[in-house]
């Protein structure tokens, strides 16, 4: 994990991208922003909580790896001028919660993929929402034409983060390529489980990642 000086913010009670009248005025006038930092679109990672992948390093997904890779990319010299933003959303298990996610794991052990398991539990394939992420980006002064470079393979996330009225502009999508694929298996999460998980995200969920 890349360690360093980070600035954190907590957003209690904020759930949508809708702005109050005061916030709209601030957004339009640039109040509270540093104009010198607006020359280039920063890297942004919208990351959903994954206890199994980030804390206990399950090999069923690459979520923990993606979080660390996002921080590493933001720390590279070419990105230091603009920095980066990691928005961490409490949406464990693509929005179904840890308990239901563990039930889904049991169904995966019986041969179902990650999408089929959710559906068998009467959940959507992906129950997450991104209105809060849009609101947080606006609060950070990242709305409007400046744009962001979004670290994601998920086309639905791009559309959702931009907001209903394109309050946020995704100027560029930056692919999150699994480390095992980048390094020929020398690094990163590996194994049959994660390969099936990634394949399902590509084939069933339309993720923009070329299978190897």
N, C-alpha and C. Protein backbone atom coordinates (compact mmCIF):
# COMPACT_ATOMS: atom_id res chain seq x y z
N UNK A 1 0.84 -1.19 0.00
CA UNK A 1 0.00 0.00 0.00
C UNK A 1 0.87 1.24 0.00
N UNK A 2 0.54 2.22 -0.81
CA UNK A 2 1.27 3.47 -0.83
C UNK A 2 0.85 4.30 0.37
N UNK A 3 1.80 4.68 1.22
CA UNK A 3 1.49 5.46 2.41
C UNK A 3 1.95 6.90 2.21
N UNK A 4 1.25 7.84 2.79
CA UNK A 4 1.66 9.22 2.64
C UNK A 4 0.71 10.16 3.34
N UNK A 5 0.80 11.42 2.99
CA UNK A 5 -0.04 12.45 3.61
C UNK A 5 -1.35 12.57 2.83
N UNK A 6 -2.42 12.16 3.45
CA UNK A 6 -3.72 12.20 2.81
C UNK A 6 -4.65 13.16 3.56
N UNK A 7 -5.57 13.73 2.84
CA UNK A 7 -6.61 14.55 3.45
C UNK A 7 -7.92 13.80 3.34
N UNK A 8 -8.59 13.62 4.47
CA UNK A 8 -9.84 12.88 4.46
C UNK A 8 -11.02 13.74 4.82
N UNK A 9 -12.20 13.37 4.31
CA UNK A 9 -13.44 14.06 4.65
C UNK A 9 -14.52 13.04 4.92
N UNK A 10 -15.39 13.36 5.87
CA UNK A 10 -16.52 12.51 6.21
C UNK A 10 -17.80 13.21 5.77
N UNK A 11 -18.74 12.44 5.22
CA UNK A 11 -19.97 13.01 4.67
C UNK A 11 -21.19 12.42 5.36
N UNK A 12 -21.43 12.75 6.64
CA UNK A 12 -22.59 12.18 7.33
C UNK A 12 -23.90 12.74 6.80
N UNK A 13 -24.83 11.85 6.53
CA UNK A 13 -26.17 12.29 6.13
C UNK A 13 -26.34 12.63 4.67
N UNK A 14 -25.26 12.70 3.90
CA UNK A 14 -25.38 13.07 2.49
C UNK A 14 -25.66 11.82 1.67
N UNK A 15 -26.74 11.82 0.91
CA UNK A 15 -27.12 10.61 0.18
C UNK A 15 -27.37 10.82 -1.30
N UNK A 16 -27.47 12.07 -1.76
CA UNK A 16 -27.77 12.30 -3.17
C UNK A 16 -26.85 13.36 -3.75
N UNK A 17 -26.94 13.51 -5.07
CA UNK A 17 -26.12 14.52 -5.75
C UNK A 17 -26.84 15.85 -5.85
N UNK A 18 -28.08 15.95 -5.33
CA UNK A 18 -28.83 17.19 -5.41
C UNK A 18 -28.24 18.23 -4.47
N UNK A 19 -28.00 19.44 -4.99
CA UNK A 19 -27.39 20.50 -4.21
C UNK A 19 -28.44 21.43 -3.62
N UNK A 20 -28.14 21.94 -2.43
CA UNK A 20 -28.97 23.00 -1.87
C UNK A 20 -28.69 24.28 -2.63
N UNK A 21 -29.52 25.31 -2.41
CA UNK A 21 -29.32 26.58 -3.12
C UNK A 21 -27.98 27.19 -2.76
N UNK A 22 -27.59 27.11 -1.49
CA UNK A 22 -26.29 27.66 -1.07
C UNK A 22 -25.16 26.92 -1.76
N UNK A 23 -25.27 25.58 -1.83
CA UNK A 23 -24.22 24.79 -2.47
C UNK A 23 -24.16 25.08 -3.97
N UNK A 24 -25.32 25.33 -4.59
CA UNK A 24 -25.33 25.67 -6.01
C UNK A 24 -24.57 26.96 -6.26
N UNK A 25 -24.79 27.95 -5.40
CA UNK A 25 -24.09 29.23 -5.55
C UNK A 25 -22.59 29.03 -5.38
N UNK A 26 -22.20 28.24 -4.38
CA UNK A 26 -20.78 27.98 -4.16
C UNK A 26 -20.17 27.23 -5.34
N UNK A 27 -20.91 26.27 -5.88
CA UNK A 27 -20.41 25.50 -7.01
C UNK A 27 -20.19 26.40 -8.22
N UNK A 28 -21.12 27.31 -8.47
CA UNK A 28 -21.03 28.19 -9.63
C UNK A 28 -19.95 29.25 -9.47
N UNK A 29 -19.72 29.70 -8.23
CA UNK A 29 -18.76 30.78 -8.00
C UNK A 29 -17.37 30.28 -7.67
N UNK A 30 -17.24 28.96 -7.38
CA UNK A 30 -15.93 28.42 -7.07
C UNK A 30 -15.50 28.65 -5.64
N UNK A 31 -16.43 28.98 -4.76
CA UNK A 31 -16.09 29.23 -3.36
C UNK A 31 -15.50 27.97 -2.74
N UNK A 32 -14.40 28.14 -2.00
CA UNK A 32 -13.78 27.03 -1.29
C UNK A 32 -12.86 26.19 -2.14
N UNK A 33 -12.60 26.58 -3.37
CA UNK A 33 -11.73 25.78 -4.23
C UNK A 33 -10.39 26.46 -4.43
N UNK A 34 -9.42 25.68 -4.82
CA UNK A 34 -8.10 26.21 -5.16
C UNK A 34 -7.99 26.27 -6.67
N UNK A 35 -8.05 27.44 -7.30
CA UNK A 35 -8.06 27.52 -8.76
C UNK A 35 -6.78 27.00 -9.39
N UNK A 36 -5.67 27.02 -8.66
CA UNK A 36 -4.41 26.55 -9.23
C UNK A 36 -4.42 25.04 -9.44
N UNK A 37 -5.30 24.35 -8.73
CA UNK A 37 -5.32 22.88 -8.84
C UNK A 37 -6.26 22.40 -9.94
N UNK A 38 -6.83 23.31 -10.72
CA UNK A 38 -7.85 22.93 -11.69
C UNK A 38 -7.33 22.87 -13.12
N UNK A 39 -6.03 22.75 -13.30
CA UNK A 39 -5.48 22.77 -14.65
C UNK A 39 -5.63 21.44 -15.36
N UNK A 40 -5.74 20.33 -14.62
CA UNK A 40 -5.81 19.01 -15.22
C UNK A 40 -6.78 18.14 -14.44
N UNK A 41 -7.44 17.25 -15.15
CA UNK A 41 -8.40 16.37 -14.50
C UNK A 41 -7.66 15.38 -13.59
N UNK A 42 -8.08 15.27 -12.33
CA UNK A 42 -7.43 14.34 -11.40
C UNK A 42 -7.93 12.92 -11.58
N UNK A 43 -7.14 11.97 -11.12
CA UNK A 43 -7.58 10.58 -11.06
C UNK A 43 -8.59 10.42 -9.93
N UNK A 44 -9.64 9.66 -10.18
CA UNK A 44 -10.66 9.40 -9.17
C UNK A 44 -10.98 7.91 -9.16
N UNK A 45 -11.03 7.33 -7.98
CA UNK A 45 -11.47 5.96 -7.82
C UNK A 45 -12.71 5.94 -6.92
N UNK A 46 -13.82 5.46 -7.44
CA UNK A 46 -15.03 5.25 -6.64
C UNK A 46 -14.99 3.80 -6.19
N UNK A 47 -14.72 3.58 -4.92
CA UNK A 47 -14.46 2.22 -4.44
C UNK A 47 -15.51 1.79 -3.43
N UNK A 48 -16.09 0.63 -3.67
CA UNK A 48 -17.08 0.08 -2.74
C UNK A 48 -16.40 -0.86 -1.76
N UNK A 49 -16.79 -0.73 -0.51
CA UNK A 49 -16.22 -1.53 0.57
C UNK A 49 -16.24 -3.02 0.23
N UNK A 50 -15.12 -3.70 0.55
CA UNK A 50 -15.05 -5.15 0.36
C UNK A 50 -14.22 -5.74 1.49
N UNK A 51 -14.89 -6.12 2.56
CA UNK A 51 -14.18 -6.67 3.72
C UNK A 51 -13.37 -7.91 3.34
N UNK A 52 -13.97 -8.78 2.55
CA UNK A 52 -13.30 -10.04 2.22
C UNK A 52 -12.06 -9.81 1.35
N UNK A 53 -12.13 -8.86 0.43
CA UNK A 53 -11.00 -8.64 -0.47
C UNK A 53 -9.94 -7.71 0.09
N UNK A 54 -10.34 -6.77 0.95
CA UNK A 54 -9.41 -5.77 1.46
C UNK A 54 -8.79 -6.15 2.80
N UNK A 55 -9.54 -6.85 3.64
CA UNK A 55 -9.09 -7.12 5.01
C UNK A 55 -8.58 -8.54 5.19
N UNK A 56 -9.30 -9.52 4.67
CA UNK A 56 -8.86 -10.91 4.84
C UNK A 56 -8.27 -11.48 3.55
N UNK A 57 -8.14 -10.65 2.53
CA UNK A 57 -7.47 -11.00 1.28
C UNK A 57 -8.01 -12.28 0.64
N UNK A 58 -9.31 -12.32 0.49
CA UNK A 58 -9.94 -13.40 -0.25
C UNK A 58 -9.43 -13.40 -1.69
N UNK A 59 -9.29 -14.60 -2.25
CA UNK A 59 -8.87 -14.72 -3.65
C UNK A 59 -10.06 -14.84 -4.58
N UNK A 60 -11.27 -14.52 -4.10
CA UNK A 60 -12.46 -14.58 -4.94
C UNK A 60 -12.64 -13.30 -5.76
N UNK A 61 -11.93 -12.22 -5.41
CA UNK A 61 -12.07 -10.96 -6.12
C UNK A 61 -10.75 -10.20 -6.09
N UNK A 62 -10.69 -9.11 -6.83
CA UNK A 62 -9.47 -8.28 -6.85
C UNK A 62 -9.73 -6.90 -6.25
N UNK A 63 -10.71 -6.79 -5.36
CA UNK A 63 -11.11 -5.47 -4.83
C UNK A 63 -9.99 -4.82 -4.02
N UNK A 64 -9.35 -5.58 -3.13
CA UNK A 64 -8.26 -5.02 -2.35
C UNK A 64 -7.11 -4.58 -3.23
N UNK A 65 -6.82 -5.36 -4.23
CA UNK A 65 -5.77 -5.03 -5.20
C UNK A 65 -6.11 -3.75 -5.94
N UNK A 66 -7.37 -3.57 -6.32
CA UNK A 66 -7.77 -2.36 -7.03
C UNK A 66 -7.61 -1.11 -6.17
N UNK A 67 -7.94 -1.22 -4.88
CA UNK A 67 -7.80 -0.08 -3.98
C UNK A 67 -6.33 0.34 -3.87
N UNK A 68 -5.45 -0.64 -3.70
CA UNK A 68 -4.02 -0.33 -3.59
C UNK A 68 -3.46 0.20 -4.91
N UNK A 69 -3.91 -0.36 -6.02
CA UNK A 69 -3.42 0.09 -7.32
C UNK A 69 -3.86 1.52 -7.59
N UNK A 70 -5.08 1.88 -7.18
CA UNK A 70 -5.54 3.25 -7.35
C UNK A 70 -4.65 4.22 -6.60
N UNK A 71 -4.32 3.88 -5.34
CA UNK A 71 -3.44 4.74 -4.55
C UNK A 71 -2.05 4.83 -5.19
N UNK A 72 -1.56 3.71 -5.72
CA UNK A 72 -0.24 3.72 -6.36
C UNK A 72 -0.22 4.63 -7.59
N UNK A 73 -1.25 4.52 -8.42
CA UNK A 73 -1.31 5.35 -9.63
C UNK A 73 -1.37 6.83 -9.28
N UNK A 74 -2.11 7.17 -8.23
CA UNK A 74 -2.21 8.57 -7.82
C UNK A 74 -0.90 9.12 -7.28
N UNK A 75 -0.03 8.22 -6.81
CA UNK A 75 1.24 8.66 -6.23
C UNK A 75 2.36 8.79 -7.27
N UNK A 76 2.11 8.38 -8.51
CA UNK A 76 3.14 8.46 -9.54
C UNK A 76 3.49 9.92 -9.83
N UNK A 77 4.76 10.19 -10.17
CA UNK A 77 5.19 11.57 -10.41
C UNK A 77 4.32 12.33 -11.40
N UNK A 78 3.89 11.66 -12.47
CA UNK A 78 3.09 12.35 -13.49
C UNK A 78 1.69 12.73 -12.99
N UNK A 79 1.27 12.13 -11.87
CA UNK A 79 -0.05 12.45 -11.33
C UNK A 79 0.00 13.26 -10.04
N UNK A 80 1.20 13.55 -9.55
CA UNK A 80 1.32 14.23 -8.27
C UNK A 80 0.77 15.65 -8.31
N UNK A 81 0.89 16.32 -9.46
CA UNK A 81 0.44 17.72 -9.54
C UNK A 81 -1.06 17.84 -9.30
N UNK A 82 -1.82 16.88 -9.84
CA UNK A 82 -3.28 16.94 -9.67
C UNK A 82 -3.74 16.11 -8.48
N UNK A 83 -2.88 15.20 -8.02
CA UNK A 83 -3.30 14.33 -6.93
C UNK A 83 -4.39 13.38 -7.38
N UNK A 84 -5.16 12.93 -6.44
CA UNK A 84 -6.24 12.01 -6.77
C UNK A 84 -7.24 11.93 -5.63
N UNK A 85 -8.36 11.31 -5.92
CA UNK A 85 -9.44 11.19 -4.94
C UNK A 85 -9.92 9.74 -4.91
N UNK A 86 -9.94 9.16 -3.72
CA UNK A 86 -10.57 7.86 -3.53
C UNK A 86 -11.83 8.07 -2.71
N UNK A 87 -12.96 7.79 -3.30
CA UNK A 87 -14.25 7.88 -2.60
C UNK A 87 -14.65 6.46 -2.19
N UNK A 88 -14.73 6.26 -0.89
CA UNK A 88 -14.96 4.92 -0.34
C UNK A 88 -16.41 4.82 0.13
N UNK A 89 -17.16 4.00 -0.56
CA UNK A 89 -18.59 3.85 -0.28
C UNK A 89 -18.86 2.55 0.48
N UNK A 90 -19.74 2.63 1.46
CA UNK A 90 -20.08 1.46 2.27
C UNK A 90 -21.14 0.63 1.54
N UNK A 91 -20.69 -0.06 0.51
CA UNK A 91 -21.61 -0.85 -0.32
C UNK A 91 -21.06 -2.27 -0.49
N UNK A 92 -20.86 -2.92 0.65
CA UNK A 92 -20.30 -4.27 0.66
C UNK A 92 -21.09 -5.22 -0.23
N UNK A 93 -20.38 -6.07 -0.95
CA UNK A 93 -21.04 -7.09 -1.76
C UNK A 93 -21.89 -6.53 -2.88
N UNK A 94 -21.38 -5.49 -3.56
CA UNK A 94 -22.14 -4.79 -4.60
C UNK A 94 -23.51 -4.34 -4.07
N UNK A 95 -23.52 -3.93 -2.79
CA UNK A 95 -24.71 -3.33 -2.23
C UNK A 95 -25.64 -4.25 -1.45
N UNK A 96 -25.29 -5.54 -1.30
CA UNK A 96 -26.21 -6.46 -0.61
C UNK A 96 -25.80 -6.71 0.84
N UNK A 97 -24.63 -6.24 1.25
CA UNK A 97 -24.19 -6.42 2.63
C UNK A 97 -23.36 -7.68 2.81
N UNK A 98 -22.58 -7.70 3.90
CA UNK A 98 -21.63 -8.80 4.11
C UNK A 98 -22.33 -10.14 4.33
N UNK A 99 -23.41 -10.16 5.11
CA UNK A 99 -24.10 -11.42 5.38
C UNK A 99 -24.62 -12.07 4.11
N UNK A 100 -25.29 -11.28 3.28
CA UNK A 100 -25.82 -11.82 2.02
C UNK A 100 -24.70 -12.18 1.06
N UNK A 101 -23.62 -11.44 1.12
CA UNK A 101 -22.47 -11.75 0.27
C UNK A 101 -21.89 -13.12 0.62
N UNK A 102 -21.81 -13.43 1.90
CA UNK A 102 -21.29 -14.74 2.31
C UNK A 102 -22.23 -15.86 1.87
N UNK A 103 -23.54 -15.58 1.89
CA UNK A 103 -24.49 -16.57 1.34
C UNK A 103 -24.23 -16.76 -0.16
N UNK A 104 -23.94 -15.66 -0.85
CA UNK A 104 -23.64 -15.75 -2.28
C UNK A 104 -22.38 -16.57 -2.52
N UNK A 105 -21.40 -16.44 -1.63
CA UNK A 105 -20.19 -17.24 -1.74
C UNK A 105 -20.52 -18.73 -1.64
N UNK A 106 -21.43 -19.09 -0.73
CA UNK A 106 -21.84 -20.49 -0.60
C UNK A 106 -22.45 -21.00 -1.91
N UNK A 107 -23.26 -20.16 -2.54
CA UNK A 107 -23.86 -20.54 -3.82
C UNK A 107 -22.81 -20.64 -4.92
N UNK A 108 -21.79 -19.80 -4.84
CA UNK A 108 -20.70 -19.90 -5.82
C UNK A 108 -19.94 -21.21 -5.65
N UNK A 109 -19.80 -21.66 -4.40
CA UNK A 109 -19.14 -22.94 -4.15
C UNK A 109 -19.92 -24.10 -4.77
N UNK A 110 -21.21 -23.89 -5.03
CA UNK A 110 -22.04 -24.92 -5.65
C UNK A 110 -22.04 -24.82 -7.17
N UNK A 111 -21.25 -23.87 -7.71
CA UNK A 111 -21.09 -23.78 -9.16
C UNK A 111 -21.68 -22.57 -9.82
N UNK A 112 -22.36 -21.71 -9.07
CA UNK A 112 -22.94 -20.49 -9.65
C UNK A 112 -21.89 -19.39 -9.74
N UNK A 113 -22.05 -18.50 -10.73
CA UNK A 113 -21.12 -17.38 -10.79
C UNK A 113 -21.63 -16.24 -9.90
N UNK A 114 -20.89 -15.15 -9.83
CA UNK A 114 -21.21 -14.06 -8.91
C UNK A 114 -22.56 -13.39 -9.22
N UNK A 115 -22.93 -13.34 -10.49
CA UNK A 115 -24.23 -12.76 -10.86
C UNK A 115 -25.36 -13.73 -10.53
N UNK A 116 -25.21 -14.99 -10.91
CA UNK A 116 -26.24 -16.00 -10.64
C UNK A 116 -26.52 -16.12 -9.15
N UNK A 117 -25.45 -16.06 -8.34
CA UNK A 117 -25.61 -16.19 -6.89
C UNK A 117 -26.47 -15.06 -6.33
N UNK A 118 -26.21 -13.84 -6.77
CA UNK A 118 -27.03 -12.71 -6.32
C UNK A 118 -28.50 -12.89 -6.71
N UNK A 119 -28.72 -13.30 -7.94
CA UNK A 119 -30.09 -13.46 -8.43
C UNK A 119 -30.83 -14.57 -7.68
N UNK A 120 -30.13 -15.64 -7.36
CA UNK A 120 -30.75 -16.73 -6.60
C UNK A 120 -31.17 -16.27 -5.20
N UNK A 121 -30.46 -15.29 -4.67
CA UNK A 121 -30.80 -14.71 -3.36
C UNK A 121 -31.82 -13.58 -3.48
N UNK A 122 -32.36 -13.40 -4.70
CA UNK A 122 -33.35 -12.35 -4.99
C UNK A 122 -32.79 -10.94 -4.82
N UNK A 123 -31.53 -10.80 -5.17
CA UNK A 123 -30.89 -9.48 -5.21
C UNK A 123 -30.57 -9.14 -6.66
N UNK A 124 -30.44 -7.85 -6.98
CA UNK A 124 -29.94 -7.49 -8.32
C UNK A 124 -28.50 -7.97 -8.48
N UNK A 125 -28.06 -8.10 -9.72
CA UNK A 125 -26.66 -8.43 -9.96
C UNK A 125 -25.75 -7.38 -9.34
N UNK A 126 -26.19 -6.12 -9.38
CA UNK A 126 -25.43 -5.02 -8.77
C UNK A 126 -26.44 -4.05 -8.15
N UNK A 127 -26.45 -3.98 -6.82
CA UNK A 127 -27.43 -3.15 -6.10
C UNK A 127 -26.86 -1.81 -5.66
N UNK A 128 -25.70 -1.45 -6.16
CA UNK A 128 -25.07 -0.20 -5.72
C UNK A 128 -25.69 1.03 -6.38
N UNK A 129 -25.47 2.17 -5.75
CA UNK A 129 -25.85 3.46 -6.33
C UNK A 129 -24.69 4.43 -6.12
N UNK A 130 -24.67 5.49 -6.93
CA UNK A 130 -23.50 6.38 -6.90
C UNK A 130 -23.87 7.85 -6.73
N UNK A 131 -25.11 8.12 -6.31
CA UNK A 131 -25.50 9.51 -6.07
C UNK A 131 -24.64 10.18 -5.02
N UNK A 132 -24.29 9.43 -3.96
CA UNK A 132 -23.45 9.99 -2.91
C UNK A 132 -22.06 10.32 -3.45
N UNK A 133 -21.53 9.46 -4.31
CA UNK A 133 -20.21 9.73 -4.90
C UNK A 133 -20.24 11.00 -5.73
N UNK A 134 -21.31 11.19 -6.50
CA UNK A 134 -21.45 12.42 -7.29
C UNK A 134 -21.48 13.64 -6.37
N UNK A 135 -22.25 13.55 -5.29
CA UNK A 135 -22.34 14.66 -4.34
C UNK A 135 -20.98 14.97 -3.72
N UNK A 136 -20.23 13.95 -3.39
CA UNK A 136 -18.91 14.15 -2.78
C UNK A 136 -17.95 14.80 -3.77
N UNK A 137 -18.00 14.39 -5.02
CA UNK A 137 -17.15 15.01 -6.03
C UNK A 137 -17.49 16.48 -6.21
N UNK A 138 -18.78 16.80 -6.18
CA UNK A 138 -19.19 18.20 -6.27
C UNK A 138 -18.71 18.98 -5.06
N UNK A 139 -18.81 18.39 -3.88
CA UNK A 139 -18.34 19.05 -2.67
C UNK A 139 -16.84 19.32 -2.72
N UNK A 140 -16.11 18.47 -3.43
CA UNK A 140 -14.66 18.64 -3.57
C UNK A 140 -14.29 19.57 -4.72
N UNK A 141 -15.29 20.14 -5.37
CA UNK A 141 -15.02 21.08 -6.46
C UNK A 141 -14.67 20.42 -7.77
N UNK A 142 -15.11 19.17 -7.96
CA UNK A 142 -14.75 18.43 -9.16
C UNK A 142 -15.92 18.28 -10.13
N UNK A 143 -16.88 19.17 -10.05
CA UNK A 143 -17.96 19.18 -11.02
C UNK A 143 -17.61 20.05 -12.21
N UNK A 144 -18.47 20.02 -13.21
CA UNK A 144 -18.30 20.92 -14.35
C UNK A 144 -17.29 20.45 -15.37
N UNK A 145 -16.77 21.41 -16.13
CA UNK A 145 -15.99 21.11 -17.32
C UNK A 145 -14.59 20.58 -17.04
N UNK A 146 -14.06 20.84 -15.86
CA UNK A 146 -12.71 20.36 -15.57
C UNK A 146 -12.60 18.86 -15.77
N UNK A 147 -13.57 18.15 -15.28
CA UNK A 147 -13.63 16.72 -15.50
C UNK A 147 -12.74 15.92 -14.57
N UNK A 148 -12.92 14.61 -14.62
CA UNK A 148 -12.12 13.68 -13.85
C UNK A 148 -11.66 12.55 -14.75
N UNK A 149 -10.62 11.86 -14.32
CA UNK A 149 -10.18 10.62 -14.97
C UNK A 149 -10.57 9.49 -14.02
N UNK A 150 -11.54 8.71 -14.44
CA UNK A 150 -12.14 7.72 -13.55
C UNK A 150 -11.49 6.36 -13.72
N UNK A 151 -10.99 5.82 -12.61
CA UNK A 151 -10.37 4.50 -12.60
C UNK A 151 -11.47 3.44 -12.45
N UNK A 152 -11.85 2.83 -13.56
CA UNK A 152 -12.92 1.84 -13.51
C UNK A 152 -12.95 1.03 -14.80
N UNK A 153 -13.55 -0.15 -14.71
CA UNK A 153 -13.86 -0.95 -15.90
C UNK A 153 -15.36 -1.04 -16.12
N UNK A 154 -16.13 -0.39 -15.25
CA UNK A 154 -17.58 -0.55 -15.20
C UNK A 154 -18.29 0.59 -15.95
N UNK A 155 -18.90 0.31 -17.10
CA UNK A 155 -19.58 1.38 -17.86
C UNK A 155 -20.77 1.97 -17.11
N UNK A 156 -21.46 1.16 -16.31
CA UNK A 156 -22.60 1.67 -15.54
C UNK A 156 -22.14 2.69 -14.50
N UNK A 157 -20.97 2.47 -13.93
CA UNK A 157 -20.44 3.41 -12.94
C UNK A 157 -20.14 4.75 -13.58
N UNK A 158 -19.62 4.75 -14.78
CA UNK A 158 -19.31 6.01 -15.48
C UNK A 158 -20.57 6.84 -15.64
N UNK A 159 -21.63 6.21 -16.14
CA UNK A 159 -22.88 6.93 -16.36
C UNK A 159 -23.48 7.42 -15.05
N UNK A 160 -23.43 6.57 -14.02
CA UNK A 160 -24.05 6.93 -12.75
C UNK A 160 -23.30 8.04 -12.04
N UNK A 161 -21.98 8.01 -12.06
CA UNK A 161 -21.18 9.01 -11.36
C UNK A 161 -21.35 10.39 -11.99
N UNK A 162 -21.58 10.43 -13.29
CA UNK A 162 -21.74 11.73 -13.93
C UNK A 162 -23.00 12.45 -13.44
N UNK A 163 -23.95 11.71 -12.90
CA UNK A 163 -25.14 12.33 -12.34
C UNK A 163 -26.23 12.51 -13.37
N UNK A 164 -27.47 12.73 -12.91
CA UNK A 164 -28.61 12.82 -13.83
C UNK A 164 -28.51 13.97 -14.82
N UNK A 165 -27.81 15.02 -14.45
CA UNK A 165 -27.66 16.18 -15.34
C UNK A 165 -26.20 16.42 -15.71
N UNK A 166 -25.41 15.35 -15.65
CA UNK A 166 -23.97 15.43 -15.93
C UNK A 166 -23.29 16.50 -15.08
N UNK A 167 -23.59 16.45 -13.79
CA UNK A 167 -22.94 17.37 -12.86
C UNK A 167 -21.44 17.15 -12.81
N UNK A 168 -21.02 15.91 -13.05
CA UNK A 168 -19.60 15.56 -13.10
C UNK A 168 -19.30 15.04 -14.50
N UNK A 169 -18.18 15.46 -15.05
CA UNK A 169 -17.80 15.07 -16.40
C UNK A 169 -16.64 14.09 -16.35
N UNK A 170 -16.87 12.84 -16.78
CA UNK A 170 -15.80 11.85 -16.85
C UNK A 170 -15.06 12.08 -18.17
N UNK A 171 -13.94 12.75 -18.07
CA UNK A 171 -13.17 13.12 -19.25
C UNK A 171 -12.44 11.92 -19.84
N UNK A 172 -12.02 11.01 -18.97
CA UNK A 172 -11.26 9.84 -19.44
C UNK A 172 -11.51 8.67 -18.50
N UNK A 173 -11.65 7.49 -19.08
CA UNK A 173 -11.70 6.27 -18.28
C UNK A 173 -10.33 5.64 -18.26
N UNK A 174 -9.85 5.33 -17.08
CA UNK A 174 -8.55 4.67 -16.93
C UNK A 174 -8.81 3.23 -16.50
N UNK A 175 -8.38 2.28 -17.30
CA UNK A 175 -8.66 0.87 -17.04
C UNK A 175 -7.94 0.37 -15.79
N UNK A 176 -8.62 -0.50 -15.06
CA UNK A 176 -8.03 -1.17 -13.90
C UNK A 176 -7.71 -2.61 -14.32
N UNK A 177 -6.49 -2.84 -14.74
CA UNK A 177 -6.08 -4.15 -15.24
C UNK A 177 -5.53 -4.98 -14.09
N UNK A 178 -6.02 -6.21 -13.89
CA UNK A 178 -5.52 -7.04 -12.80
C UNK A 178 -4.00 -7.19 -12.85
N UNK A 179 -3.35 -7.13 -11.69
CA UNK A 179 -1.89 -7.21 -11.65
C UNK A 179 -1.38 -8.54 -12.21
N UNK A 180 -2.11 -9.61 -11.97
CA UNK A 180 -1.69 -10.91 -12.50
C UNK A 180 -1.65 -10.89 -14.02
N UNK A 181 -2.56 -10.14 -14.64
CA UNK A 181 -2.58 -10.03 -16.09
C UNK A 181 -1.44 -9.13 -16.57
N UNK A 182 -1.15 -8.09 -15.81
CA UNK A 182 -0.08 -7.17 -16.20
C UNK A 182 1.29 -7.81 -16.10
N UNK A 183 1.47 -8.69 -15.11
CA UNK A 183 2.80 -9.22 -14.80
C UNK A 183 3.00 -10.67 -15.21
N UNK A 184 2.05 -11.22 -15.96
CA UNK A 184 2.18 -12.61 -16.36
C UNK A 184 2.12 -13.58 -15.19
N UNK A 185 1.38 -13.22 -14.16
CA UNK A 185 1.22 -14.10 -13.01
C UNK A 185 2.27 -13.96 -11.94
N UNK A 186 3.17 -12.99 -12.07
CA UNK A 186 4.23 -12.81 -11.06
C UNK A 186 3.73 -12.08 -9.82
N UNK A 187 2.66 -11.30 -9.97
CA UNK A 187 2.10 -10.54 -8.85
C UNK A 187 0.58 -10.57 -8.94
N UNK A 188 -0.07 -10.16 -7.86
CA UNK A 188 -1.51 -10.00 -7.89
C UNK A 188 -2.29 -11.22 -7.45
N UNK A 189 -3.59 -11.03 -7.30
CA UNK A 189 -4.50 -12.11 -6.90
C UNK A 189 -4.63 -13.10 -8.06
N UNK A 190 -4.48 -14.38 -7.76
CA UNK A 190 -4.52 -15.40 -8.80
C UNK A 190 -5.35 -16.59 -8.35
N UNK A 191 -5.80 -17.37 -9.32
CA UNK A 191 -6.53 -18.58 -9.00
C UNK A 191 -7.80 -18.71 -9.82
N UNK A 192 -8.40 -19.89 -9.75
CA UNK A 192 -9.60 -20.19 -10.53
C UNK A 192 -10.77 -19.30 -10.12
N UNK A 193 -10.90 -19.02 -8.81
CA UNK A 193 -12.04 -18.22 -8.34
C UNK A 193 -12.02 -16.81 -8.91
N UNK A 194 -10.88 -16.14 -8.82
CA UNK A 194 -10.82 -14.75 -9.29
C UNK A 194 -10.91 -14.69 -10.81
N UNK A 195 -10.40 -15.69 -11.50
CA UNK A 195 -10.50 -15.69 -12.96
C UNK A 195 -11.96 -15.84 -13.40
N UNK A 196 -12.71 -16.70 -12.71
CA UNK A 196 -14.14 -16.85 -13.02
C UNK A 196 -14.89 -15.56 -12.71
N UNK A 197 -14.53 -14.93 -11.60
CA UNK A 197 -15.15 -13.66 -11.19
C UNK A 197 -14.93 -12.59 -12.25
N UNK A 198 -13.69 -12.44 -12.71
CA UNK A 198 -13.38 -11.43 -13.72
C UNK A 198 -14.06 -11.74 -15.04
N UNK A 199 -14.08 -13.02 -15.41
CA UNK A 199 -14.73 -13.42 -16.66
C UNK A 199 -16.23 -13.11 -16.62
N UNK A 200 -16.86 -13.35 -15.48
CA UNK A 200 -18.29 -13.05 -15.34
C UNK A 200 -18.56 -11.56 -15.45
N UNK A 201 -17.69 -10.74 -14.86
CA UNK A 201 -17.87 -9.29 -14.94
C UNK A 201 -17.76 -8.81 -16.38
N UNK A 202 -16.91 -9.46 -17.16
CA UNK A 202 -16.76 -9.09 -18.57
C UNK A 202 -17.97 -9.57 -19.38
N UNK A 203 -18.31 -10.84 -19.25
CA UNK A 203 -19.31 -11.46 -20.11
C UNK A 203 -20.75 -11.12 -19.69
N UNK A 204 -21.01 -11.07 -18.38
CA UNK A 204 -22.39 -10.89 -17.91
C UNK A 204 -22.71 -9.46 -17.50
N UNK A 205 -21.67 -8.67 -17.15
CA UNK A 205 -21.90 -7.32 -16.65
C UNK A 205 -21.33 -6.24 -17.56
N UNK A 206 -20.71 -6.66 -18.66
CA UNK A 206 -20.25 -5.70 -19.66
C UNK A 206 -19.05 -4.88 -19.28
N UNK A 207 -18.25 -5.36 -18.34
CA UNK A 207 -17.08 -4.58 -17.94
C UNK A 207 -16.07 -4.48 -19.08
N UNK A 208 -15.47 -3.32 -19.20
CA UNK A 208 -14.57 -3.01 -20.31
C UNK A 208 -13.16 -3.45 -19.99
N UNK A 209 -12.95 -4.76 -20.11
CA UNK A 209 -11.67 -5.36 -19.79
C UNK A 209 -11.48 -6.54 -20.71
N UNK A 210 -10.40 -6.56 -21.46
CA UNK A 210 -10.16 -7.65 -22.40
C UNK A 210 -9.71 -8.88 -21.64
N UNK A 211 -10.42 -10.00 -21.85
CA UNK A 211 -10.02 -11.24 -21.19
C UNK A 211 -8.73 -11.72 -21.80
N UNK A 212 -7.90 -12.32 -20.95
CA UNK A 212 -6.60 -12.76 -21.46
C UNK A 212 -6.70 -14.18 -22.02
